[in-house]
All heavy atoms as atom14 arrays in JSON, in Angstrom:
{
  "sequence": "DAYRLFHGESDGVSGMVIERLGPVLIVQFHEGRLSVSP",
  "atom14_mask": [
    [1, 1, 1, 1, 1, 1, 1, 1, 0, 0, 0, 0, 0, 0],
    [1, 1, 1, 1, 1, 0, 0, 0, 0, 0, 0, 0, 0, 0],
    [1, 1, 1, 1, 1, 1, 1, 1, 1, 1, 1, 1, 0, 0],
    [1, 1, 1, 1, 1, 1, 1, 1, 1, 1, 1, 0, 0, 0],
    [1, 1, 1, 1, 1, 1, 1, 1, 0, 0, 0, 0, 0, 0],
    [1, 1, 1, 1, 1, 1, 1, 1, 1, 1, 1, 0, 0, 0],
    [1, 1, 1, 1, 1, 1, 1, 1, 1, 1, 0, 0, 0, 0],
    [1, 1, 1, 1, 0, 0, 0, 0, 0, 0, 0, 0, 0, 0],
    [1, 1, 1, 1, 1, 1, 1, 1, 1, 0, 0, 0, 0, 0],
    [1, 1, 1, 1, 1, 1, 0, 0, 0, 0, 0, 0, 0, 0],
    [1, 1, 1, 1, 1, 1, 1, 1, 0, 0, 0, 0, 0, 0],
    [1, 1, 1, 1, 0, 0, 0, 0, 0, 0, 0, 0, 0, 0],
    [1, 1, 1, 1, 1, 1, 1, 0, 0, 0, 0, 0, 0, 0],
    [1, 1, 1, 1, 1, 1, 0, 0, 0, 0, 0, 0, 0, 0],
    [1, 1, 1, 1, 0, 0, 0, 0, 0, 0, 0, 0, 0, 0],
    [1, 1, 1, 1, 1, 1, 1, 1, 0, 0, 0, 0, 0, 0],
    [1, 1, 1, 1, 1, 1, 1, 0, 0, 0, 0, 0, 0, 0],
    [1, 1, 1, 1, 1, 1, 1, 1, 0, 0, 0, 0, 0, 0],
    [1, 1, 1, 1, 1, 1, 1, 1, 1, 0, 0, 0, 0, 0],
    [1, 1, 1, 1, 1, 1, 1, 1, 1, 1, 1, 0, 0, 0],
    [1, 1, 1, 1, 1, 1, 1, 1, 0, 0, 0, 0, 0, 0],
    [1, 1, 1, 1, 0, 0, 0, 0, 0, 0, 0, 0, 0, 0],
    [1, 1, 1, 1, 1, 1, 1, 0, 0, 0, 0, 0, 0, 0],
    [1, 1, 1, 1, 1, 1, 1, 0, 0, 0, 0, 0, 0, 0],
    [1, 1, 1, 1, 1, 1, 1, 1, 0, 0, 0, 0, 0, 0],
    [1, 1, 1, 1, 1, 1, 1, 1, 0, 0, 0, 0, 0, 0],
    [1, 1, 1, 1, 1, 1, 1, 0, 0, 0, 0, 0, 0, 0],
    [1, 1, 1, 1, 1, 1, 1, 1, 1, 0, 0, 0, 0, 0],
    [1, 1, 1, 1, 1, 1, 1, 1, 1, 1, 1, 0, 0, 0],
    [1, 1, 1, 1, 1, 1, 1, 1, 1, 1, 0, 0, 0, 0],
    [1, 1, 1, 1, 1, 1, 1, 1, 1, 0, 0, 0, 0, 0],
    [1, 1, 1, 1, 0, 0, 0, 0, 0, 0, 0, 0, 0, 0],
    [1, 1, 1, 1, 1, 1, 1, 1, 1, 1, 1, 0, 0, 0],
    [1, 1, 1, 1, 1, 1, 1, 1, 0, 0, 0, 0, 0, 0],
    [1, 1, 1, 1, 1, 1, 0, 0, 0, 0, 0, 0, 0, 0],
    [1, 1, 1, 1, 1, 1, 1, 0, 0, 0, 0, 0, 0, 0],
    [1, 1, 1, 1, 1, 1, 0, 0, 0, 0, 0, 0, 0, 0],
    [1, 1, 1, 1, 1, 1, 1, 0, 0, 0, 0, 0, 0, 0]
  ],
  "atom14_positions": [
    [[0.83, -1.21, 0.0], [0.0, 0.0, 0.0], [0.86, 1.26, 0.0], [0.46, 2.31, 0.49], [-1.0, 0.0, 1.16], [-0.35, 0.06, 2.54], [0.9, 0.05, 2.62], [-1.09, 0.1, 3.54], [0.0, 0.0, 0.0], [0.0, 0.0, 0.0], [0.0, 0.0, 0.0], [0.0, 0.0, 0.0], [0.0, 0.0, 0.0], [0.0, 0.0, 0.0]],
    [[2.05, 1.15, -0.6], [2.95, 2.3, -0.73], [3.54, 2.28, -2.14], [4.31, 1.38, -2.47], [4.06, 2.24, 0.32], [0.0, 0.0, 0.0], [0.0, 0.0, 0.0], [0.0, 0.0, 0.0], [0.0, 0.0, 0.0], [0.0, 0.0, 0.0], [0.0, 0.0, 0.0], [0.0, 0.0, 0.0], [0.0, 0.0, 0.0], [0.0, 0.0, 0.0]],
    [[3.15, 3.26, -2.97], [3.61, 3.31, -4.35], [3.36, 4.71, -4.9], [2.59, 5.5, -4.34], [2.92, 2.26, -5.22], [1.47, 2.02, -4.89], [0.48, 2.93, -5.28], [1.08, 0.9, -4.16], [-0.85, 2.73, -4.95], [-0.25, 0.69, -3.81], [-1.2, 1.6, -4.22], [-2.52, 1.4, -3.88], [0.0, 0.0, 0.0], [0.0, 0.0, 0.0]],
    [[4.01, 4.99, -6.01], [3.83, 6.28, -6.69], [2.69, 6.15, -7.69], [2.74, 5.32, -8.61], [5.13, 6.7, -7.38], [5.05, 8.07, -8.03], [6.43, 8.68, -8.3], [7.05, 9.1, -7.06], [8.13, 9.91, -7.0], [8.7, 10.35, -8.12], [8.63, 10.27, -5.85], [0.0, 0.0, 0.0], [0.0, 0.0, 0.0], [0.0, 0.0, 0.0]],
    [[1.68, 6.97, -7.52], [0.51, 6.93, -8.4], [0.69, 7.77, -9.66], [0.11, 7.47, -10.7], [-0.73, 7.43, -7.64], [-1.36, 6.46, -6.66], [-2.39, 7.19, -5.8], [-2.01, 5.3, -7.4], [0.0, 0.0, 0.0], [0.0, 0.0, 0.0], [0.0, 0.0, 0.0], [0.0, 0.0, 0.0], [0.0, 0.0, 0.0], [0.0, 0.0, 0.0]],
    [[1.45, 8.84, -9.54], [1.62, 9.76, -10.67], [3.04, 10.27, -10.64], [3.52, 10.77, -9.62], [0.62, 10.92, -10.56], [0.48, 11.71, -11.83], [-0.46, 11.34, -12.78], [1.28, 12.8, -12.08], [-0.58, 12.05, -13.97], [1.17, 13.52, -13.26], [0.22, 13.14, -14.21], [0.0, 0.0, 0.0], [0.0, 0.0, 0.0], [0.0, 0.0, 0.0]],
    [[3.74, 10.15, -11.8], [5.17, 10.44, -11.83], [5.49, 11.55, -12.83], [6.16, 11.36, -13.83], [5.94, 9.17, -12.19], [7.43, 9.3, -12.1], [8.08, 9.75, -10.97], [8.41, 9.05, -13.01], [9.38, 9.77, -11.19], [9.62, 9.35, -12.42], [0.0, 0.0, 0.0], [0.0, 0.0, 0.0], [0.0, 0.0, 0.0], [0.0, 0.0, 0.0]],
    [[4.96, 12.73, -12.54], [5.34, 13.93, -13.27], [5.21, 13.84, -14.77], [4.22, 13.35, -15.32], [0.0, 0.0, 0.0], [0.0, 0.0, 0.0], [0.0, 0.0, 0.0], [0.0, 0.0, 0.0], [0.0, 0.0, 0.0], [0.0, 0.0, 0.0], [0.0, 0.0, 0.0], [0.0, 0.0, 0.0], [0.0, 0.0, 0.0], [0.0, 0.0, 0.0]],
    [[6.26, 14.3, -15.46], [6.22, 14.42, -16.91], [6.0, 13.09, -17.61], [5.36, 13.03, -18.66], [7.52, 15.05, -17.4], [7.5, 15.43, -18.86], [8.71, 16.25, -19.26], [9.54, 16.55, -18.39], [8.82, 16.57, -20.45], [0.0, 0.0, 0.0], [0.0, 0.0, 0.0], [0.0, 0.0, 0.0], [0.0, 0.0, 0.0], [0.0, 0.0, 0.0]],
    [[6.52, 11.99, -17.04], [6.34, 10.7, -17.68], [4.88, 10.27, -17.7], [4.48, 9.44, -18.51], [7.18, 9.63, -17.0], [6.76, 9.42, -15.67], [0.0, 0.0, 0.0], [0.0, 0.0, 0.0], [0.0, 0.0, 0.0], [0.0, 0.0, 0.0], [0.0, 0.0, 0.0], [0.0, 0.0, 0.0], [0.0, 0.0, 0.0], [0.0, 0.0, 0.0]],
    [[4.05, 10.85, -16.83], [2.61, 10.61, -16.84], [1.83, 11.78, -17.42], [0.59, 11.8, -17.35], [2.11, 10.29, -15.42], [2.42, 8.86, -15.02], [2.26, 7.95, -15.87], [2.85, 8.63, -13.87], [0.0, 0.0, 0.0], [0.0, 0.0, 0.0], [0.0, 0.0, 0.0], [0.0, 0.0, 0.0], [0.0, 0.0, 0.0], [0.0, 0.0, 0.0]],
    [[2.54, 12.77, -17.96], [1.87, 13.82, -18.71], [1.74, 15.17, -18.06], [1.2, 16.09, -18.65], [0.0, 0.0, 0.0], [0.0, 0.0, 0.0], [0.0, 0.0, 0.0], [0.0, 0.0, 0.0], [0.0, 0.0, 0.0], [0.0, 0.0, 0.0], [0.0, 0.0, 0.0], [0.0, 0.0, 0.0], [0.0, 0.0, 0.0], [0.0, 0.0, 0.0]],
    [[2.25, 15.32, -16.82], [2.16, 16.62, -16.13], [3.49, 16.87, -15.42], [3.77, 16.26, -14.38], [1.01, 16.67, -15.11], [0.94, 18.05, -14.46], [-0.32, 16.35, -15.79], [0.0, 0.0, 0.0], [0.0, 0.0, 0.0], [0.0, 0.0, 0.0], [0.0, 0.0, 0.0], [0.0, 0.0, 0.0], [0.0, 0.0, 0.0], [0.0, 0.0, 0.0]],
    [[4.32, 17.74, -15.94], [5.62, 17.97, -15.32], [5.47, 18.69, -13.98], [4.57, 19.51, -13.78], [6.51, 18.81, -16.26], [5.94, 20.06, -16.5], [0.0, 0.0, 0.0], [0.0, 0.0, 0.0], [0.0, 0.0, 0.0], [0.0, 0.0, 0.0], [0.0, 0.0, 0.0], [0.0, 0.0, 0.0], [0.0, 0.0, 0.0], [0.0, 0.0, 0.0]],
    [[6.34, 18.32, -13.06], [6.41, 19.02, -11.78], [5.44, 18.56, -10.72], [5.44, 19.1, -9.61], [0.0, 0.0, 0.0], [0.0, 0.0, 0.0], [0.0, 0.0, 0.0], [0.0, 0.0, 0.0], [0.0, 0.0, 0.0], [0.0, 0.0, 0.0], [0.0, 0.0, 0.0], [0.0, 0.0, 0.0], [0.0, 0.0, 0.0], [0.0, 0.0, 0.0]],
    [[4.6, 17.56, -11.01], [3.65, 17.08, -10.0], [3.82, 15.57, -9.8], [3.88, 14.81, -10.76], [2.21, 17.37, -10.4], [1.21, 17.0, -9.31], [-0.52, 17.39, -9.72], [-0.9, 16.06, -10.86], [0.0, 0.0, 0.0], [0.0, 0.0, 0.0], [0.0, 0.0, 0.0], [0.0, 0.0, 0.0], [0.0, 0.0, 0.0], [0.0, 0.0, 0.0]],
    [[3.91, 15.17, -8.53], [4.06, 13.77, -8.16], [3.0, 13.45, -7.1], [2.75, 14.26, -6.21], [5.47, 13.5, -7.6], [5.56, 12.13, -6.95], [6.52, 13.65, -8.69], [0.0, 0.0, 0.0], [0.0, 0.0, 0.0], [0.0, 0.0, 0.0], [0.0, 0.0, 0.0], [0.0, 0.0, 0.0], [0.0, 0.0, 0.0], [0.0, 0.0, 0.0]],
    [[2.38, 12.28, -7.22], [1.39, 11.84, -6.23], [1.77, 10.45, -5.76], [1.97, 9.54, -6.57], [-0.03, 11.83, -6.8], [-0.4, 13.19, -7.39], [-1.04, 11.44, -5.69], [-1.75, 13.19, -8.12], [0.0, 0.0, 0.0], [0.0, 0.0, 0.0], [0.0, 0.0, 0.0], [0.0, 0.0, 0.0], [0.0, 0.0, 0.0], [0.0, 0.0, 0.0]],
    [[1.87, 10.28, -4.45], [2.2, 8.98, -3.88], [1.14, 8.55, -2.88], [0.61, 9.38, -2.13], [3.57, 9.04, -3.19], [4.7, 9.32, -4.18], [6.05, 9.48, -3.54], [6.11, 9.94, -2.38], [7.05, 9.14, -4.2], [0.0, 0.0, 0.0], [0.0, 0.0, 0.0], [0.0, 0.0, 0.0], [0.0, 0.0, 0.0], [0.0, 0.0, 0.0]],
    [[0.86, 7.27, -2.87], [-0.04, 6.72, -1.86], [0.79, 6.04, -0.79], [1.67, 5.22, -1.07], [-0.98, 5.69, -2.47], [-2.04, 5.28, -1.44], [-2.36, 3.84, -1.47], [-3.25, 3.48, -0.37], [-3.99, 2.37, -0.35], [-3.97, 1.56, -1.38], [-4.73, 2.09, 0.7], [0.0, 0.0, 0.0], [0.0, 0.0, 0.0], [0.0, 0.0, 0.0]],
    [[0.54, 6.39, 0.45], [1.22, 5.79, 1.6], [0.15, 5.37, 2.6], [-0.23, 6.14, 3.5], [2.18, 6.8, 2.23], [3.33, 7.22, 1.3], [3.93, 8.53, 1.76], [4.38, 6.14, 1.22], [0.0, 0.0, 0.0], [0.0, 0.0, 0.0], [0.0, 0.0, 0.0], [0.0, 0.0, 0.0], [0.0, 0.0, 0.0], [0.0, 0.0, 0.0]],
    [[-0.38, 4.18, 2.41], [-1.43, 3.71, 3.29], [-2.62, 4.66, 3.3], [-3.24, 4.89, 2.27], [0.0, 0.0, 0.0], [0.0, 0.0, 0.0], [0.0, 0.0, 0.0], [0.0, 0.0, 0.0], [0.0, 0.0, 0.0], [0.0, 0.0, 0.0], [0.0, 0.0, 0.0], [0.0, 0.0, 0.0], [0.0, 0.0, 0.0], [0.0, 0.0, 0.0]],
    [[-2.92, 5.27, 4.47], [-4.1, 6.11, 4.59], [-3.93, 7.55, 4.13], [-4.82, 8.37, 4.35], [-4.39, 6.06, 6.09], [-3.03, 5.94, 6.72], [-2.25, 5.06, 5.78], [0.0, 0.0, 0.0], [0.0, 0.0, 0.0], [0.0, 0.0, 0.0], [0.0, 0.0, 0.0], [0.0, 0.0, 0.0], [0.0, 0.0, 0.0], [0.0, 0.0, 0.0]],
    [[-2.78, 7.88, 3.51], [-2.57, 9.26, 3.07], [-2.04, 9.3, 1.64], [-1.48, 8.33, 1.13], [-1.59, 10.03, 3.99], [-2.01, 9.98, 5.44], [-0.18, 9.52, 3.82], [0.0, 0.0, 0.0], [0.0, 0.0, 0.0], [0.0, 0.0, 0.0], [0.0, 0.0, 0.0], [0.0, 0.0, 0.0], [0.0, 0.0, 0.0], [0.0, 0.0, 0.0]],
    [[-2.23, 10.45, 1.01], [-1.57, 10.78, -0.25], [-0.55, 11.88, 0.05], [-0.8, 12.78, 0.85], [-2.55, 11.29, -1.29], [-3.66, 10.35, -1.77], [-4.52, 11.04, -2.81], [-3.08, 9.04, -2.33], [0.0, 0.0, 0.0], [0.0, 0.0, 0.0], [0.0, 0.0, 0.0], [0.0, 0.0, 0.0], [0.0, 0.0, 0.0], [0.0, 0.0, 0.0]],
    [[0.61, 11.79, -0.6], [1.59, 12.86, -0.57], [1.63, 13.44, -1.98], [1.87, 12.71, -2.95], [3.0, 12.35, -0.18], [2.98, 11.72, 1.21], [4.01, 13.49, -0.26], [2.75, 12.7, 2.35], [0.0, 0.0, 0.0], [0.0, 0.0, 0.0], [0.0, 0.0, 0.0], [0.0, 0.0, 0.0], [0.0, 0.0, 0.0], [0.0, 0.0, 0.0]],
    [[1.4, 14.75, -2.09], [1.39, 15.41, -3.39], [2.55, 16.39, -3.43], [2.63, 17.31, -2.61], [0.06, 16.15, -3.63], [0.01, 16.7, -5.05], [-1.13, 15.22, -3.39], [0.0, 0.0, 0.0], [0.0, 0.0, 0.0], [0.0, 0.0, 0.0], [0.0, 0.0, 0.0], [0.0, 0.0, 0.0], [0.0, 0.0, 0.0], [0.0, 0.0, 0.0]],
    [[3.46, 16.18, -4.38], [4.63, 17.05, -4.51], [4.42, 18.03, -5.66], [4.01, 17.64, -6.75], [5.88, 16.22, -4.81], [6.22, 15.18, -3.77], [7.44, 14.36, -4.19], [8.16, 14.71, -5.12], [7.66, 13.25, -3.5], [0.0, 0.0, 0.0], [0.0, 0.0, 0.0], [0.0, 0.0, 0.0], [0.0, 0.0, 0.0], [0.0, 0.0, 0.0]],
    [[4.74, 19.29, -5.4], [4.73, 20.33, -6.43], [6.15, 20.88, -6.53], [6.69, 21.4, -5.55], [3.74, 21.44, -6.07], [2.31, 20.98, -5.99], [1.67, 20.85, -4.76], [1.6, 20.68, -7.14], [0.34, 20.44, -4.68], [0.27, 20.25, -7.07], [-0.35, 20.13, -5.84], [0.0, 0.0, 0.0], [0.0, 0.0, 0.0], [0.0, 0.0, 0.0]],
    [[6.76, 20.75, -7.7], [8.17, 21.11, -7.88], [8.32, 22.45, -8.6], [7.91, 22.59, -9.76], [8.89, 20.01, -8.67], [9.04, 18.73, -7.9], [10.2, 18.4, -7.24], [8.15, 17.72, -7.67], [10.04, 17.22, -6.65], [8.8, 16.79, -6.89], [0.0, 0.0, 0.0], [0.0, 0.0, 0.0], [0.0, 0.0, 0.0], [0.0, 0.0, 0.0]],
    [[8.92, 23.38, -7.89], [9.14, 24.73, -8.42], [9.96, 24.68, -9.71], [10.92, 23.93, -9.84], [9.9, 25.56, -7.37], [10.18, 26.99, -7.8], [11.04, 27.71, -6.78], [12.14, 27.22, -6.46], [10.63, 28.78, -6.3], [0.0, 0.0, 0.0], [0.0, 0.0, 0.0], [0.0, 0.0, 0.0], [0.0, 0.0, 0.0], [0.0, 0.0, 0.0]],
    [[9.56, 25.49, -10.67], [10.3, 25.62, -11.91], [9.9, 24.62, -12.98], [10.19, 24.82, -14.16], [0.0, 0.0, 0.0], [0.0, 0.0, 0.0], [0.0, 0.0, 0.0], [0.0, 0.0, 0.0], [0.0, 0.0, 0.0], [0.0, 0.0, 0.0], [0.0, 0.0, 0.0], [0.0, 0.0, 0.0], [0.0, 0.0, 0.0], [0.0, 0.0, 0.0]],
    [[9.23, 23.54, -12.58], [8.82, 22.52, -13.54], [7.31, 22.34, -13.58], [6.78, 21.59, -14.4], [9.47, 21.18, -13.22], [10.98, 21.17, -13.42], [11.54, 19.77, -13.26], [11.69, 19.39, -11.85], [11.37, 18.21, -11.36], [10.82, 17.29, -12.13], [11.58, 17.93, -10.09], [0.0, 0.0, 0.0], [0.0, 0.0, 0.0], [0.0, 0.0, 0.0]],
    [[6.61, 23.02, -12.68], [5.2, 22.76, -12.49], [4.36, 23.28, -13.65], [4.45, 24.45, -14.02], [4.75, 23.4, -11.18], [3.4, 22.95, -10.61], [3.4, 21.45, -10.35], [3.12, 23.7, -9.3], [0.0, 0.0, 0.0], [0.0, 0.0, 0.0], [0.0, 0.0, 0.0], [0.0, 0.0, 0.0], [0.0, 0.0, 0.0], [0.0, 0.0, 0.0]],
    [[3.53, 22.41, -14.22], [2.68, 22.79, -15.36], [1.21, 22.83, -15.0], [0.36, 23.01, -15.86], [2.9, 21.83, -16.53], [2.61, 20.5, -16.16], [0.0, 0.0, 0.0], [0.0, 0.0, 0.0], [0.0, 0.0, 0.0], [0.0, 0.0, 0.0], [0.0, 0.0, 0.0], [0.0, 0.0, 0.0], [0.0, 0.0, 0.0], [0.0, 0.0, 0.0]],
    [[0.91, 22.66, -13.69], [-0.47, 22.75, -13.22], [-0.44, 23.37, -11.83], [0.47, 23.12, -11.04], [-1.13, 21.35, -13.2], [-0.41, 20.43, -12.24], [-2.61, 21.46, -12.83], [0.0, 0.0, 0.0], [0.0, 0.0, 0.0], [0.0, 0.0, 0.0], [0.0, 0.0, 0.0], [0.0, 0.0, 0.0], [0.0, 0.0, 0.0], [0.0, 0.0, 0.0]],
    [[-1.42, 24.18, -11.52], [-1.44, 24.83, -10.21], [-2.05, 23.9, -9.17], [-2.87, 23.03, -9.49], [-2.26, 26.11, -10.27], [-3.64, 25.81, -10.37], [0.0, 0.0, 0.0], [0.0, 0.0, 0.0], [0.0, 0.0, 0.0], [0.0, 0.0, 0.0], [0.0, 0.0, 0.0], [0.0, 0.0, 0.0], [0.0, 0.0, 0.0], [0.0, 0.0, 0.0]],
    [[-1.66, 24.06, -7.91], [-2.28, 23.26, -6.85], [-3.81, 23.4, -6.84], [-4.51, 22.42, -6.58], [-1.63, 23.81, -5.58], [-0.29, 24.27, -6.02], [-0.52, 24.86, -7.39], [0.0, 0.0, 0.0], [0.0, 0.0, 0.0], [0.0, 0.0, 0.0], [0.0, 0.0, 0.0], [0.0, 0.0, 0.0], [0.0, 0.0, 0.0], [0.0, 0.0, 0.0]]
  ]
}
């Protein structure tokens, strides 16, 4: 129950990463590469 759900540009959106960690999601927004707003 721990894996990366969305991997930035390789999944079509640069600068954003989404990970599932059990009961939570961690959403990363990377400065300078981000192509979508929070």
